[in-house]
């Protein structure tokens, strides 16, 4: 059972194509100091982590720019989101915002929900590493014995990520 706790929340949305003109720099917009509801589903195991964010108080122009309806089911827009939360810390009679990243993922659907106008949230549906799950992958092969780290580095590079150091050795196989 969840509980309500008021926190600082910040959304950094990276647009794959195009730029923002009113706020943000280049292709990244930061949204903060808004009313929002975020649900992060972390089931573990073979189920991927998903998040849904509902953000109120955005202007129509920004919501239009961020709207994503992929033309093909389970396809990606290429837009990414990072969600950070935190608290206001009072130190030496000064308030300081302390936030940390709680979620980062791929946006697969984003739209303004006008069903309860004039109370219109912008809904963002995301998943972690959906690109790696749905994009076709090339086989990775190495001759002879190879460390797990070499293979992990190649897979991570393909996914646009980085791997941790691994030292286990595998015999010659295709993966």
Protein backbone atom coordinates (compact mmCIF):
# COMPACT_ATOMS: atom_id res chain seq x y z
CA UNK A 1 0.00 0.00 0.00
CA UNK A 2 1.40 3.37 -1.01
CA UNK A 3 1.34 6.59 0.94
CA UNK A 4 1.42 10.23 -0.03
CA UNK A 5 4.54 12.24 0.68
CA UNK A 6 5.10 15.71 -0.71
CA UNK A 7 8.49 15.95 -2.41
CA UNK A 8 10.38 18.08 -4.86
CA UNK A 9 10.14 16.51 -8.29
CA UNK A 10 12.01 17.26 -11.47
CA UNK A 11 11.54 15.85 -14.96
CA UNK A 12 14.30 16.13 -17.58
CA UNK A 13 12.93 15.17 -20.98
CA UNK A 14 15.30 14.66 -23.88
CA UNK A 15 13.76 15.09 -27.31
CA UNK A 16 15.33 12.84 -29.96
CA UNK A 17 14.51 15.12 -32.89
CA UNK A 18 14.15 18.88 -32.77
CA UNK A 19 14.74 21.43 -30.05
CA UNK A 20 12.77 23.31 -27.44
CA UNK A 21 12.46 27.01 -27.95
CA UNK A 22 10.78 28.31 -24.80
CA UNK A 23 12.77 26.51 -22.13
CA UNK A 24 15.61 24.12 -21.65
CA UNK A 25 18.75 23.93 -23.69
CA UNK A 26 18.98 22.39 -27.12
CA UNK A 27 16.90 19.22 -26.99
CA UNK A 28 16.36 18.90 -23.20
CA UNK A 29 13.54 20.48 -21.23
CA UNK A 30 13.41 20.54 -17.44
CA UNK A 31 10.02 20.58 -15.73
CA UNK A 32 9.84 21.29 -12.02
CA UNK A 33 7.72 23.11 -9.44
CA UNK A 34 4.58 21.51 -10.84
CA UNK A 35 1.91 19.23 -9.46
CA UNK A 36 2.72 15.66 -10.47
CA UNK A 37 1.89 12.05 -9.72
CA UNK A 38 4.49 9.40 -10.54
CA UNK A 39 4.05 5.64 -10.28
CA UNK A 40 7.14 3.47 -10.80
CA UNK A 41 6.40 -0.24 -11.23
CA UNK A 42 9.45 -2.27 -10.33
CA UNK A 43 8.41 -5.90 -10.43
CA UNK A 44 11.87 -7.41 -10.68
CA UNK A 45 12.68 -10.72 -12.31
CA UNK A 46 12.07 -10.87 -16.04
CA UNK A 47 9.53 -8.02 -15.95
CA UNK A 48 10.84 -4.62 -17.00
CA UNK A 49 10.47 -1.51 -14.90
CA UNK A 50 7.82 0.96 -16.09
CA UNK A 51 6.79 4.40 -14.94
CA UNK A 52 3.81 6.64 -15.56
CA UNK A 53 3.94 10.33 -14.79
CA UNK A 54 1.00 12.72 -14.75
CA UNK A 55 2.09 16.36 -14.78
CA UNK A 56 -0.30 19.28 -14.33
CA UNK A 57 0.29 22.93 -15.16
CA UNK A 58 2.10 22.64 -18.51
CA UNK A 59 1.13 24.98 -21.31
CA UNK A 60 -0.48 23.57 -24.45
CA UNK A 61 2.46 24.46 -26.67
CA UNK A 62 4.87 22.42 -24.56
CA UNK A 63 2.44 19.49 -24.28
CA UNK A 64 2.04 19.50 -28.08
CA UNK A 65 5.82 19.43 -28.52
CA UNK A 66 6.18 16.51 -26.10
CA UNK A 67 3.25 14.45 -27.40
CA UNK A 68 4.21 10.99 -28.67
CA UNK A 69 1.90 8.47 -30.31
CA UNK A 70 4.14 5.89 -31.98
CA UNK A 71 2.87 4.80 -35.40
CA UNK A 72 3.62 1.15 -34.64
CA UNK A 73 2.66 -0.62 -31.42
CA UNK A 74 5.62 -1.15 -29.11
CA UNK A 75 7.83 1.23 -31.08
CA UNK A 76 9.83 4.01 -29.51
CA UNK A 77 9.87 7.74 -30.06
CA UNK A 78 13.52 8.00 -29.06
CA UNK A 79 12.57 10.54 -26.39
CA UNK A 80 13.95 9.86 -22.92
CA UNK A 81 12.97 10.93 -19.41
CA UNK A 82 14.86 11.22 -16.15
CA UNK A 83 12.87 11.68 -12.95
CA UNK A 84 14.53 13.09 -9.85
CA UNK A 85 12.96 13.60 -6.43
CA UNK A 86 14.14 15.13 -3.21
CA UNK A 87 13.54 17.45 -0.33
CA UNK A 88 14.23 21.01 0.72
CA UNK A 89 17.03 21.00 3.29
CA UNK A 90 17.35 23.90 5.72
CA UNK A 91 21.00 24.59 6.52
CA UNK A 92 22.38 27.82 8.00
CA UNK A 93 18.95 29.44 7.55
CA UNK A 94 19.08 28.75 3.79
CA UNK A 95 16.85 26.36 1.90
CA UNK A 96 18.63 24.06 -0.55
CA UNK A 97 17.02 21.54 -2.88
CA UNK A 98 18.56 18.09 -2.64
CA UNK A 99 17.41 15.71 -5.37
CA UNK A 100 18.51 12.38 -6.76
CA UNK A 101 17.60 10.36 -9.84
CA UNK A 102 14.97 7.71 -9.13
CA UNK A 103 14.11 6.68 -12.68
CA UNK A 104 15.44 6.98 -16.22
CA UNK A 105 13.70 5.44 -19.23
CA UNK A 106 12.42 5.53 -22.79
CA UNK A 107 9.14 7.34 -23.53
CA UNK A 108 6.77 5.23 -25.60
CA UNK A 109 3.61 7.32 -25.21
CA UNK A 110 3.00 10.89 -24.05
CA UNK A 111 -0.21 12.91 -24.39
CA UNK A 112 -2.44 15.55 -22.82
CA UNK A 113 -5.47 13.95 -21.14
CA UNK A 114 -8.35 16.34 -21.79
CA UNK A 115 -11.00 13.97 -20.36
CA UNK A 116 -11.28 16.04 -17.17
CA UNK A 117 -10.79 19.55 -18.62
CA UNK A 118 -9.95 22.12 -17.39
CA UNK A 119 -7.88 19.89 -15.06
CA UNK A 120 -5.56 18.58 -17.81
CA UNK A 121 -2.56 16.43 -16.91
CA UNK A 122 0.17 15.56 -19.37
CA UNK A 123 0.60 11.77 -19.19
CA UNK A 124 3.98 10.17 -19.91
CA UNK A 125 4.30 6.38 -20.17
CA UNK A 126 7.82 4.97 -20.11
CA UNK A 127 9.82 1.80 -19.76
CA UNK A 128 13.44 1.05 -19.00
CA UNK A 129 15.61 0.00 -21.95
CA UNK A 130 12.76 -0.79 -24.31
CA UNK A 131 15.13 -0.17 -27.22
CA UNK A 132 17.26 -3.13 -26.15
CA UNK A 133 14.17 -5.31 -25.83
CA UNK A 134 12.57 -4.60 -29.22
CA UNK A 135 15.40 -3.69 -31.58
CA UNK A 136 16.94 -6.53 -33.56
CA UNK A 137 20.40 -7.40 -32.27
CA UNK A 138 23.45 -8.59 -34.16
CA UNK A 139 25.11 -11.74 -32.82
CA UNK A 140 28.34 -11.20 -30.93
CA UNK A 141 31.13 -13.70 -31.51
CA UNK A 142 34.68 -14.02 -30.27
CA UNK A 143 37.34 -16.57 -31.15
CA UNK A 144 38.78 -18.64 -28.32
CA UNK A 145 38.43 -17.83 -24.64
CA UNK A 146 37.13 -14.40 -23.76
CA UNK A 147 36.28 -12.63 -20.52
CA UNK A 148 32.68 -11.83 -19.69
CA UNK A 149 33.73 -8.18 -19.57
CA UNK A 150 34.60 -8.14 -23.29
CA UNK A 151 31.14 -9.45 -24.20
CA UNK A 152 29.38 -7.23 -21.65
CA UNK A 153 31.19 -4.19 -23.07
CA UNK A 154 30.03 -5.04 -26.61
CA UNK A 155 26.40 -5.55 -25.52
CA UNK A 156 26.45 -2.35 -23.46
CA UNK A 157 27.98 -0.39 -26.33
CA UNK A 158 25.25 -1.66 -28.67
CA UNK A 159 22.60 -0.49 -26.17
CA UNK A 160 24.29 2.88 -25.66
CA UNK A 161 25.19 2.08 -22.05
CA UNK A 162 28.28 1.09 -20.10
CA UNK A 163 29.05 -2.19 -18.39
CA UNK A 164 30.64 -3.06 -15.09
CA UNK A 165 33.97 -4.84 -14.91
CA UNK A 166 33.70 -8.64 -15.15
CA UNK A 167 36.61 -11.06 -15.01
CA UNK A 168 35.02 -14.50 -15.56
CA UNK A 169 36.25 -16.31 -18.67
CA UNK A 170 34.03 -18.10 -21.21
CA UNK A 171 34.94 -20.67 -23.83
CA UNK A 172 34.36 -19.98 -27.55
CA UNK A 173 30.65 -19.44 -28.25
CA UNK A 174 28.31 -17.17 -30.15
CA UNK A 175 25.88 -15.12 -28.08
